[in-house]
Amino acid sequence: MTRRRYTEEQKLAVVREAVETGNCAVVGRRHGIAENLVSRLRQFRALGESPFTGSTSGGSEDV
């Protein structure tokens, strides 16, 4: 199975829908992604952190 990548626009749409509906499971099924990913994206938003940056292979990133 290959890892899927999502654009910032896709993530924002999922987060907005999850916040509006309050149901991560339904939103996840609608978009074909796992409920836990929807939940994590919502948590990042609630903490004011950006869920839109990718991670590298274990190294630290210079921002």
C-alpha atoms as a PDB file:
ATOM      1  CA  MET A   1       0.000   0.000   0.000  1.00  0.00           C
ATOM      2  CA  THR A   2       1.380   3.400  -0.921  1.00  0.00           C
ATOM      3  CA  ARG A   3       1.234   6.453   1.278  1.00  0.00           C
ATOM      4  CA  ARG A   4      -1.233   9.076   0.087  1.00  0.00           C
ATOM      5  CA  ARG A   5      -0.441  12.777   0.164  1.00  0.00           C
ATOM      6  CA  TYR A   6      -3.081  15.440   0.626  1.00  0.00           C
ATOM      7  CA  THR A   7      -2.897  19.064  -0.430  1.00  0.00           C
ATOM      8  CA  GLU A   8      -3.423  21.890   2.054  1.00  0.00           C
ATOM      9  CA  GLU A   9      -6.757  22.623   0.400  1.00  0.00           C
ATOM     10  CA  GLN A  10      -7.925  19.034   0.886  1.00  0.00           C
ATOM     11  CA  LYS A  11      -6.893  19.054   4.548  1.00  0.00           C
ATOM     12  CA  LEU A  12      -8.588  22.390   5.173  1.00  0.00           C
ATOM     13  CA  ALA A  13     -11.804  21.137   3.585  1.00  0.00           C
ATOM     14  CA  VAL A  14     -11.783  18.026   5.776  1.00  0.00           C
ATOM     15  CA  VAL A  15     -11.063  20.040   8.935  1.00  0.00           C
ATOM     16  CA  ARG A  16     -13.826  22.549   8.172  1.00  0.00           C
ATOM     17  CA  GLU A  17     -16.337  19.789   7.510  1.00  0.00           C
ATOM     18  CA  ALA A  18     -15.333  17.899  10.664  1.00  0.00           C
ATOM     19  CA  VAL A  19     -15.737  21.032  12.775  1.00  0.00           C
ATOM     20  CA  GLU A  20     -19.109  21.848  11.205  1.00  0.00           C
ATOM     21  CA  THR A  21     -20.535  18.347  11.586  1.00  0.00           C
ATOM     22  CA  GLY A  22     -18.736  17.356  14.773  1.00  0.00           C
ATOM     23  CA  ASN A  23     -18.391  13.810  13.426  1.00  0.00           C
ATOM     24  CA  CYS A  24     -14.921  12.668  12.324  1.00  0.00           C
ATOM     25  CA  ALA A  25     -16.096   9.179  11.352  1.00  0.00           C
ATOM     26  CA  VAL A  26     -18.684  10.401   8.851  1.00  0.00           C
ATOM     27  CA  VAL A  27     -16.293  12.966   7.379  1.00  0.00           C
ATOM     28  CA  GLY A  28     -13.547  10.349   7.082  1.00  0.00           C
ATOM     29  CA  ARG A  29     -15.818   7.906   5.274  1.00  0.00           C
ATOM     30  CA  ARG A  30     -17.055  10.641   2.956  1.00  0.00           C
ATOM     31  CA  HIS A  31     -13.483  11.537   1.956  1.00  0.00           C
ATOM     32  CA  GLY A  32     -12.065   8.013   2.030  1.00  0.00           C
ATOM     33  CA  ILE A  33      -9.637   8.634   4.886  1.00  0.00           C
ATOM     34  CA  ALA A  34      -9.283   7.165   8.358  1.00  0.00           C
ATOM     35  CA  GLU A  35     -11.262   8.646  11.228  1.00  0.00           C
ATOM     36  CA  ASN A  36      -8.091   8.993  13.295  1.00  0.00           C
ATOM     37  CA  LEU A  37      -6.496  11.182  10.614  1.00  0.00           C
ATOM     38  CA  VAL A  38      -9.525  13.469  10.583  1.00  0.00           C
ATOM     39  CA  SER A  39      -9.392  13.630  14.366  1.00  0.00           C
ATOM     40  CA  ARG A  40      -5.666  14.448  14.367  1.00  0.00           C
ATOM     41  CA  LEU A  41      -6.141  17.220  11.807  1.00  0.00           C
ATOM     42  CA  ARG A  42      -8.891  18.699  13.996  1.00  0.00           C
ATOM     43  CA  GLN A  43      -6.684  18.508  17.080  1.00  0.00           C
ATOM     44  CA  PHE A  44      -3.862  20.341  15.315  1.00  0.00           C
ATOM     45  CA  ARG A  45      -6.302  23.071  14.334  1.00  0.00           C
ATOM     46  CA  ALA A  46      -7.665  23.333  17.873  1.00  0.00           C
ATOM     47  CA  LEU A  47      -4.129  23.755  19.232  1.00  0.00           C
ATOM     48  CA  GLY A  48      -3.359  26.424  16.669  1.00  0.00           C
ATOM     49  CA  GLU A  49      -0.670  24.275  15.061  1.00  0.00           C
ATOM     50  CA  SER A  50      -0.355  23.649  11.366  1.00  0.00           C
ATOM     51  CA  PRO A  51      -1.155  20.090  10.266  1.00  0.00           C
ATOM     52  CA  PHE A  52      -0.049  21.024   6.789  1.00  0.00           C
ATOM     53  CA  THR A  53       3.696  20.555   7.025  1.00  0.00           C
ATOM     54  CA  GLY A  54       5.170  17.225   6.035  1.00  0.00           C
ATOM     55  CA  SER A  55       7.828  15.489   8.061  1.00  0.00           C
ATOM     56  CA  THR A  56      11.166  14.285   6.822  1.00  0.00           C
ATOM     57  CA  SER A  57      12.818  10.990   7.620  1.00  0.00           C
ATOM     58  CA  GLY A  58      13.437  11.589  11.304  1.00  0.00           C
ATOM     59  CA  GLY A  59      15.634  14.663  10.952  1.00  0.00           C
ATOM     60  CA  SER A  60      14.898  18.123  12.206  1.00  0.00           C
ATOM     61  CA  GLU A  61      13.660  20.714   9.774  1.00  0.00           C
ATOM     62  CA  ASP A  62      14.974  24.232   9.460  1.00  0.00           C
ATOM     63  CA  VAL A  63      12.046  26.604   9.309  1.00  0.00           C
END
